[in-house]
């Protein structure tokens, strides 16, 4: 399984969130997954290009919410688990 993790780039808490999410996902969801990271920055207009959601699972951490059905996990999903 390939997981793409989108996080707030150029930001310490964004990197920490991506790291924490990866550890949680690897230990509790998919031990054999591979992870790719994509930094996001705030900008005018659409924040997300849905064509970048190419992972088997796609997660957004420490950034704006996306209602895209292609976002399959992330901080919102983790909060539901606890």
PDB file of N, CA and C in Angstrom:
ATOM      1  N   UNK A   1       0.836  -1.166   0.000  1.00  0.00           N
ATOM      2  CA  UNK A   1       0.000   0.000   0.000  1.00  0.00           C
ATOM      3  C   UNK A   1       0.889   1.241   0.000  1.00  0.00           C
ATOM      4  N   UNK A   2       0.530   2.195  -0.826  1.00  0.00           N
ATOM      5  CA  UNK A   2       1.272   3.459  -0.920  1.00  0.00           C
ATOM      6  C   UNK A   2       0.416   4.565  -0.301  1.00  0.00           C
ATOM      7  N   UNK A   3       0.966   5.228   0.709  1.00  0.00           N
ATOM      8  CA  UNK A   3       0.255   6.292   1.411  1.00  0.00           C
ATOM      9  C   UNK A   3       0.935   7.621   1.094  1.00  0.00           C
ATOM     10  N   UNK A   4       0.167   8.588   0.606  1.00  0.00           N
ATOM     11  CA  UNK A   4       0.684   9.941   0.392  1.00  0.00           C
ATOM     12  C   UNK A   4       0.239  10.797   1.553  1.00  0.00           C
ATOM     13  N   UNK A   5       1.198  11.426   2.210  1.00  0.00           N
ATOM     14  CA  UNK A   5       0.932  12.262   3.373  1.00  0.00           C
ATOM     15  C   UNK A   5       1.172  13.720   2.971  1.00  0.00           C
ATOM     16  N   UNK A   6       0.114  14.512   3.034  1.00  0.00           N
ATOM     17  CA  UNK A   6       0.195  15.943   2.738  1.00  0.00           C
ATOM     18  C   UNK A   6       0.246  16.683   4.069  1.00  0.00           C
ATOM     19  N   UNK A   7       1.192  17.610   4.199  1.00  0.00           N
ATOM     20  CA  UNK A   7       1.387  18.291   5.477  1.00  0.00           C
ATOM     21  C   UNK A   7       1.747  19.747   5.236  1.00  0.00           C
ATOM     22  N   UNK A   8       1.649  20.564   6.277  1.00  0.00           N
ATOM     23  CA  UNK A   8       1.986  21.978   6.196  1.00  0.00           C
ATOM     24  C   UNK A   8       3.503  22.105   6.062  1.00  0.00           C
ATOM     25  N   UNK A   9       3.953  22.509   4.883  1.00  0.00           N
ATOM     26  CA  UNK A   9       5.383  22.594   4.578  1.00  0.00           C
ATOM     27  C   UNK A   9       6.014  23.818   5.230  1.00  0.00           C
ATOM     28  N   UNK A  10       7.322  23.778   5.360  1.00  0.00           N
ATOM     29  CA  UNK A  10       8.114  24.867   5.936  1.00  0.00           C
ATOM     30  C   UNK A  10       7.631  25.222   7.340  1.00  0.00           C
ATOM     31  N   UNK A  11       7.275  24.203   8.094  1.00  0.00           N
ATOM     32  CA  UNK A  11       6.669  24.413   9.400  1.00  0.00           C
ATOM     33  C   UNK A  11       7.026  23.216  10.288  1.00  0.00           C
ATOM     34  N   UNK A  12       7.596  23.471  11.450  1.00  0.00           N
ATOM     35  CA  UNK A  12       8.012  22.393  12.331  1.00  0.00           C
ATOM     36  C   UNK A  12       6.843  21.499  12.731  1.00  0.00           C
ATOM     37  N   UNK A  13       5.697  22.117  13.076  1.00  0.00           N
ATOM     38  CA  UNK A  13       4.579  21.284  13.509  1.00  0.00           C
ATOM     39  C   UNK A  13       4.001  20.477  12.350  1.00  0.00           C
ATOM     40  N   UNK A  14       4.156  20.938  11.119  1.00  0.00           N
ATOM     41  CA  UNK A  14       3.730  20.146   9.961  1.00  0.00           C
ATOM     42  C   UNK A  14       4.573  18.889   9.819  1.00  0.00           C
ATOM     43  N   UNK A  15       5.888  19.047   9.957  1.00  0.00           N
ATOM     44  CA  UNK A  15       6.786  17.888   9.879  1.00  0.00           C
ATOM     45  C   UNK A  15       6.533  16.917  11.024  1.00  0.00           C
ATOM     46  N   UNK A  16       6.305  17.444  12.221  1.00  0.00           N
ATOM     47  CA  UNK A  16       6.010  16.582  13.374  1.00  0.00           C
ATOM     48  C   UNK A  16       4.700  15.833  13.170  1.00  0.00           C
ATOM     49  N   UNK A  17       3.700  16.522  12.648  1.00  0.00           N
ATOM     50  CA  UNK A  17       2.405  15.873  12.402  1.00  0.00           C
ATOM     51  C   UNK A  17       2.541  14.743  11.395  1.00  0.00           C
ATOM     52  N   UNK A  18       3.308  14.976  10.330  1.00  0.00           N
ATOM     53  CA  UNK A  18       3.519  13.939   9.314  1.00  0.00           C
ATOM     54  C   UNK A  18       4.238  12.734   9.921  1.00  0.00           C
ATOM     55  N   UNK A  19       5.231  13.008  10.761  1.00  0.00           N
ATOM     56  CA  UNK A  19       5.984  11.933  11.407  1.00  0.00           C
ATOM     57  C   UNK A  19       5.105  11.132  12.364  1.00  0.00           C
ATOM     58  N   UNK A  20       4.338  11.832  13.183  1.00  0.00           N
ATOM     59  CA  UNK A  20       3.455  11.161  14.137  1.00  0.00           C
ATOM     60  C   UNK A  20       2.384  10.345  13.417  1.00  0.00           C
ATOM     61  N   UNK A  21       1.807  10.926  12.362  1.00  0.00           N
ATOM     62  CA  UNK A  21       0.812  10.190  11.589  1.00  0.00           C
ATOM     63  C   UNK A  21       1.415   8.915  10.998  1.00  0.00           C
ATOM     64  N   UNK A  22       2.614   9.027  10.433  1.00  0.00           N
ATOM     65  CA  UNK A  22       3.267   7.872   9.816  1.00  0.00           C
ATOM     66  C   UNK A  22       3.476   6.764  10.844  1.00  0.00           C
ATOM     67  N   UNK A  23       3.967   7.133  12.004  1.00  0.00           N
ATOM     68  CA  UNK A  23       4.201   6.117  13.033  1.00  0.00           C
ATOM     69  C   UNK A  23       2.898   5.438  13.448  1.00  0.00           C
ATOM     70  N   UNK A  24       1.859   6.247  13.680  1.00  0.00           N
ATOM     71  CA  UNK A  24       0.566   5.682  14.051  1.00  0.00           C
ATOM     72  C   UNK A  24       0.042   4.757  12.952  1.00  0.00           C
ATOM     73  N   UNK A  25       0.072   5.225  11.722  1.00  0.00           N
ATOM     74  CA  UNK A  25      -0.471   4.452  10.593  1.00  0.00           C
ATOM     75  C   UNK A  25       0.296   3.148  10.417  1.00  0.00           C
ATOM     76  N   UNK A  26       1.624   3.232  10.508  1.00  0.00           N
ATOM     77  CA  UNK A  26       2.467   2.045  10.341  1.00  0.00           C
ATOM     78  C   UNK A  26       2.214   1.018  11.446  1.00  0.00           C
ATOM     79  N   UNK A  27       2.049   1.471  12.681  1.00  0.00           N
ATOM     80  CA  UNK A  27       1.884   0.551  13.800  1.00  0.00           C
ATOM     81  C   UNK A  27       0.452   0.068  14.002  1.00  0.00           C
ATOM     82  N   UNK A  28      -0.529   0.847  13.594  1.00  0.00           N
ATOM     83  CA  UNK A  28      -1.922   0.512  13.905  1.00  0.00           C
ATOM     84  C   UNK A  28      -2.793   0.204  12.697  1.00  0.00           C
ATOM     85  N   UNK A  29      -2.355   0.579  11.504  1.00  0.00           N
ATOM     86  CA  UNK A  29      -3.219   0.417  10.330  1.00  0.00           C
ATOM     87  C   UNK A  29      -2.588  -0.485   9.277  1.00  0.00           C
ATOM     88  N   UNK A  30      -1.388  -0.154   8.825  1.00  0.00           N
ATOM     89  CA  UNK A  30      -0.792  -0.891   7.705  1.00  0.00           C
ATOM     90  C   UNK A  30       0.720  -1.000   7.884  1.00  0.00           C
ATOM     91  N   UNK A  31       1.164  -2.085   8.478  1.00  0.00           N
ATOM     92  CA  UNK A  31       2.584  -2.254   8.790  1.00  0.00           C
ATOM     93  C   UNK A  31       3.483  -2.250   7.557  1.00  0.00           C
ATOM     94  N   UNK A  32       3.003  -2.733   6.426  1.00  0.00           N
ATOM     95  CA  UNK A  32       3.847  -2.840   5.242  1.00  0.00           C
ATOM     96  C   UNK A  32       3.725  -1.686   4.265  1.00  0.00           C
ATOM     97  N   UNK A  33       3.084  -0.605   4.675  1.00  0.00           N
ATOM     98  CA  UNK A  33       2.858   0.520   3.758  1.00  0.00           C
ATOM     99  C   UNK A  33       4.149   1.270   3.468  1.00  0.00           C
ATOM    100  N   UNK A  34       4.180   1.912   2.301  1.00  0.00           N
ATOM    101  CA  UNK A  34       5.252   2.853   1.986  1.00  0.00           C
ATOM    102  C   UNK A  34       4.652   4.254   2.023  1.00  0.00           C
ATOM    103  N   UNK A  35       5.472   5.236   2.346  1.00  0.00           N
ATOM    104  CA  UNK A  35       4.972   6.597   2.567  1.00  0.00           C
ATOM    105  C   UNK A  35       5.696   7.586   1.670  1.00  0.00           C
ATOM    106  N   UNK A  36       4.921   8.497   1.124  1.00  0.00           N
ATOM    107  CA  UNK A  36       5.435   9.620   0.336  1.00  0.00           C
ATOM    108  C   UNK A  36       4.923  10.892   0.992  1.00  0.00           C
ATOM    109  N   UNK A  37       5.733  11.941   0.983  1.00  0.00           N
ATOM    110  CA  UNK A  37       5.366  13.184   1.660  1.00  0.00           C
ATOM    111  C   UNK A  37       5.296  14.320   0.655  1.00  0.00           C
ATOM    112  N   UNK A  38       4.273  15.155   0.833  1.00  0.00           N
ATOM    113  CA  UNK A  38       4.074  16.290  -0.065  1.00  0.00           C
ATOM    114  C   UNK A  38       3.734  17.513   0.778  1.00  0.00           C
ATOM    115  N   UNK A  39       4.645  18.487   0.795  1.00  0.00           N
ATOM    116  CA  UNK A  39       4.426  19.703   1.566  1.00  0.00           C
ATOM    117  C   UNK A  39       3.446  20.636   0.872  1.00  0.00           C
ATOM    118  N   UNK A  40       2.599  21.274   1.667  1.00  0.00           N
ATOM    119  CA  UNK A  40       1.607  22.214   1.163  1.00  0.00           C
ATOM    120  C   UNK A  40       1.861  23.595   1.752  1.00  0.00           C
ATOM    121  N   UNK A  41       1.578  24.629   0.982  1.00  0.00           N
ATOM    122  CA  UNK A  41       1.676  26.004   1.473  1.00  0.00           C
ATOM    123  C   UNK A  41       0.343  26.696   1.219  1.00  0.00           C
ATOM    124  N   UNK A  42       0.053  27.665   2.066  1.00  0.00           N
ATOM    125  CA  UNK A  42      -1.183  28.428   1.888  1.00  0.00           C
ATOM    126  C   UNK A  42      -1.051  29.302   0.648  1.00  0.00           C
ATOM    127  N   UNK A  43      -2.132  29.398  -0.106  1.00  0.00           N
ATOM    128  CA  UNK A  43      -2.147  30.218  -1.311  1.00  0.00           C
ATOM    129  C   UNK A  43      -3.587  30.618  -1.607  1.00  0.00           C
ATOM    130  N   UNK A  44      -3.749  31.588  -2.468  1.00  0.00           N
ATOM    131  CA  UNK A  44      -5.085  32.023  -2.862  1.00  0.00           C
ATOM    132  C   UNK A  44      -5.717  30.962  -3.769  1.00  0.00           C
ATOM    133  N   UNK A  45      -7.016  30.856  -3.702  1.00  0.00           N
ATOM    134  CA  UNK A  45      -7.717  29.904  -4.566  1.00  0.00           C
ATOM    135  C   UNK A  45      -7.742  28.509  -3.960  1.00  0.00           C
ATOM    136  N   UNK A  46      -7.870  27.541  -4.825  1.00  0.00           N
ATOM    137  CA  UNK A  46      -7.972  26.143  -4.393  1.00  0.00           C
ATOM    138  C   UNK A  46      -6.652  25.704  -3.748  1.00  0.00           C
ATOM    139  N   UNK A  47      -6.746  25.143  -2.555  1.00  0.00           N
ATOM    140  CA  UNK A  47      -5.549  24.709  -1.846  1.00  0.00           C
ATOM    141  C   UNK A  47      -5.052  23.353  -2.304  1.00  0.00           C
ATOM    142  N   UNK A  48      -5.947  22.553  -2.864  1.00  0.00           N
ATOM    143  CA  UNK A  48      -5.593  21.190  -3.232  1.00  0.00           C
ATOM    144  C   UNK A  48      -5.856  20.944  -4.704  1.00  0.00           C
ATOM    145  N   UNK A  49      -4.945  20.243  -5.325  1.00  0.00           N
ATOM    146  CA  UNK A  49      -5.133  19.754  -6.686  1.00  0.00           C
ATOM    147  C   UNK A  49      -5.416  18.263  -6.544  1.00  0.00           C
ATOM    148  N   UNK A  50      -6.662  17.869  -6.770  1.00  0.00           N
ATOM    149  CA  UNK A  50      -7.049  16.478  -6.533  1.00  0.00           C
ATOM    150  C   UNK A  50      -6.262  15.485  -7.379  1.00  0.00           C
ATOM    151  N   UNK A  51      -5.632  15.941  -8.452  1.00  0.00           N
ATOM    152  CA  UNK A  51      -4.832  15.019  -9.256  1.00  0.00           C
ATOM    153  C   UNK A  51      -3.585  14.567  -8.500  1.00  0.00           C
ATOM    154  N   UNK A  52      -3.238  15.258  -7.398  1.00  0.00           N
ATOM    155  CA  UNK A  52      -2.089  14.859  -6.576  1.00  0.00           C
ATOM    156  C   UNK A  52      -2.442  13.783  -5.562  1.00  0.00           C
ATOM    157  N   UNK A  53      -3.714  13.493  -5.387  1.00  0.00           N
ATOM    158  CA  UNK A  53      -4.148  12.452  -4.451  1.00  0.00           C
ATOM    159  C   UNK A  53      -4.039  11.092  -5.143  1.00  0.00           C
ATOM    160  N   UNK A  54      -2.808  10.638  -5.328  1.00  0.00           N
ATOM    161  CA  UNK A  54      -2.548   9.446  -6.135  1.00  0.00           C
ATOM    162  C   UNK A  54      -2.195   8.208  -5.325  1.00  0.00           C
ATOM    163  N   UNK A  55      -2.156   8.328  -4.014  1.00  0.00           N
ATOM    164  CA  UNK A  55      -1.826   7.177  -3.185  1.00  0.00           C
ATOM    165  C   UNK A  55      -2.986   6.202  -3.095  1.00  0.00           C
ATOM    166  N   UNK A  56      -2.676   4.988  -2.647  1.00  0.00           N
ATOM    167  CA  UNK A  56      -3.754   4.056  -2.326  1.00  0.00           C
ATOM    168  C   UNK A  56      -4.572   4.634  -1.179  1.00  0.00           C
ATOM    169  N   UNK A  57      -3.875   5.309  -0.281  1.00  0.00           N
ATOM    170  CA  UNK A  57      -4.496   6.111   0.759  1.00  0.00           C
ATOM    171  C   UNK A  57      -3.824   7.470   0.722  1.00  0.00           C
ATOM    172  N   UNK A  58      -4.591   8.517   0.997  1.00  0.00           N
ATOM    173  CA  UNK A  58      -4.091   9.885   1.015  1.00  0.00           C
ATOM    174  C   UNK A  58      -4.489  10.515   2.337  1.00  0.00           C
ATOM    175  N   UNK A  59      -3.539  11.182   2.984  1.00  0.00           N
ATOM    176  CA  UNK A  59      -3.799  11.795   4.281  1.00  0.00           C
ATOM    177  C   UNK A  59      -3.363  13.253   4.259  1.00  0.00           C
ATOM    178  N   UNK A  60      -4.128  14.101   4.939  1.00  0.00           N
ATOM    179  CA  UNK A  60      -3.744  15.494   5.135  1.00  0.00           C
ATOM    180  C   UNK A  60      -3.621  15.712   6.635  1.00  0.00           C
ATOM    181  N   UNK A  61      -2.461  16.175   7.065  1.00  0.00           N
ATOM    182  CA  UNK A  61      -2.248  16.470   8.482  1.00  0.00           C
ATOM    183  C   UNK A  61      -1.763  17.910   8.625  1.00  0.00           C
ATOM    184  N   UNK A  62      -2.179  18.556   9.707  1.00  0.00           N
ATOM    185  CA  UNK A  62      -1.758  19.918  10.035  1.00  0.00           C
ATOM    186  C   UNK A  62      -1.972  20.893   8.878  1.00  0.00           C
ATOM    187  N   UNK A  63      -3.108  20.805   8.241  1.00  0.00           N
ATOM    188  CA  UNK A  63      -3.429  21.722   7.147  1.00  0.00           C
ATOM    189  C   UNK A  63      -4.937  21.787   7.020  1.00  0.00           C
ATOM    190  N   UNK A  64      -5.405  22.567   6.100  1.00  0.00           N
ATOM    191  CA  UNK A  64      -6.847  22.726   5.884  1.00  0.00           C
ATOM    192  C   UNK A  64      -7.494  21.397   5.534  1.00  0.00           C
ATOM    193  N   UNK A  65      -8.774  21.292   5.820  1.00  0.00           N
ATOM    194  CA  UNK A  65      -9.561  20.099   5.526  1.00  0.00           C
ATOM    195  C   UNK A  65      -9.923  20.064   4.049  1.00  0.00           C
ATOM    196  N   UNK A  66      -9.985  18.899   3.469  1.00  0.00           N
ATOM    197  CA  UNK A  66     -10.490  18.702   2.113  1.00  0.00           C
ATOM    198  C   UNK A  66     -11.631  17.701   2.176  1.00  0.00           C
ATOM    199  N   UNK A  67     -12.727  18.011   1.511  1.00  0.00           N
ATOM    200  CA  UNK A  67     -13.886  17.113   1.490  1.00  0.00           C
ATOM    201  C   UNK A  67     -13.772  16.061   0.388  1.00  0.00           C
ATOM    202  N   UNK A  68     -12.642  16.011  -0.292  1.00  0.00           N
ATOM    203  CA  UNK A  68     -12.460  15.062  -1.386  1.00  0.00           C
ATOM    204  C   UNK A  68     -12.624  13.625  -0.889  1.00  0.00           C
ATOM    205  N   UNK A  69     -13.367  12.818  -1.622  1.00  0.00           N
ATOM    206  CA  UNK A  69     -13.482  11.401  -1.243  1.00  0.00           C
ATOM    207  C   UNK A  69     -12.167  10.639  -1.417  1.00  0.00           C
ATOM    208  N   UNK A  70     -11.188  11.242  -2.077  1.00  0.00           N
ATOM    209  CA  UNK A  70      -9.892  10.598  -2.271  1.00  0.00           C
ATOM    210  C   UNK A  70      -8.998  10.716  -1.033  1.00  0.00           C
ATOM    211  N   UNK A  71      -9.404  11.546  -0.072  1.00  0.00           N
ATOM    212  CA  UNK A  71      -8.679  11.622   1.193  1.00  0.00           C
ATOM    213  C   UNK A  71      -9.235  10.510   2.069  1.00  0.00           C
ATOM    214  N   UNK A  72      -8.422   9.507   2.301  1.00  0.00           N
ATOM    215  CA  UNK A  72      -8.893   8.304   2.978  1.00  0.00           C
ATOM    216  C   UNK A  72      -8.473   8.224   4.434  1.00  0.00           C
ATOM    217  N   UNK A  73      -7.515   9.045   4.830  1.00  0.00           N
ATOM    218  CA  UNK A  73      -7.109   9.026   6.230  1.00  0.00           C
ATOM    219  C   UNK A  73      -6.435  10.341   6.554  1.00  0.00           C
ATOM    220  N   UNK A  74      -6.205  10.563   7.816  1.00  0.00           N
ATOM    221  CA  UNK A  74      -5.584  11.801   8.267  1.00  0.00           C
ATOM    222  C   UNK A  74      -6.032  12.120   9.668  1.00  0.00           C
ATOM    223  N   UNK A  75      -5.782  13.328  10.101  1.00  0.00           N
ATOM    224  CA  UNK A  75      -6.070  13.663  11.486  1.00  0.00           C
ATOM    225  C   UNK A  75      -7.543  13.538  11.809  1.00  0.00           C
ATOM    226  N   UNK A  76      -8.442  13.816  10.873  1.00  0.00           N
ATOM    227  CA  UNK A  76      -9.865  13.677  11.130  1.00  0.00           C
ATOM    228  C   UNK A  76     -10.223  12.221  11.380  1.00  0.00           C
ATOM    229  N   UNK A  77      -9.677  11.320  10.569  1.00  0.00           N
ATOM    230  CA  UNK A  77      -9.955   9.894  10.727  1.00  0.00           C
ATOM    231  C   UNK A  77      -9.357   9.379  12.037  1.00  0.00           C
ATOM    232  N   UNK A  78      -8.153   9.792  12.365  1.00  0.00           N
ATOM    233  CA  UNK A  78      -7.520   9.336  13.601  1.00  0.00           C
ATOM    234  C   UNK A  78      -8.340   9.747  14.799  1.00  0.00           C
ATOM    235  N   UNK A  79      -8.858  10.960  14.807  1.00  0.00           N
ATOM    236  CA  UNK A  79      -9.673  11.429  15.925  1.00  0.00           C
ATOM    237  C   UNK A  79     -10.919  10.549  16.083  1.00  0.00           C
ATOM    238  N   UNK A  80     -11.460  10.056  15.001  1.00  0.00           N
ATOM    239  CA  UNK A  80     -12.635   9.190  15.077  1.00  0.00           C
ATOM    240  C   UNK A  80     -12.289   7.836  15.707  1.00  0.00           C
ATOM    241  N   UNK A  81     -11.041   7.416  15.597  1.00  0.00           N
ATOM    242  CA  UNK A  81     -10.639   6.127  16.146  1.00  0.00           C
ATOM    243  C   UNK A  81     -10.570   6.135  17.664  1.00  0.00           C
ATOM    244  N   UNK A  82     -10.353   7.304  18.244  1.00  0.00           N
ATOM    245  CA  UNK A  82     -10.170   7.386  19.702  1.00  0.00           C
ATOM    246  C   UNK A  82     -11.406   7.880  20.371  1.00  0.00           C
TER     247      UNK A  82
END
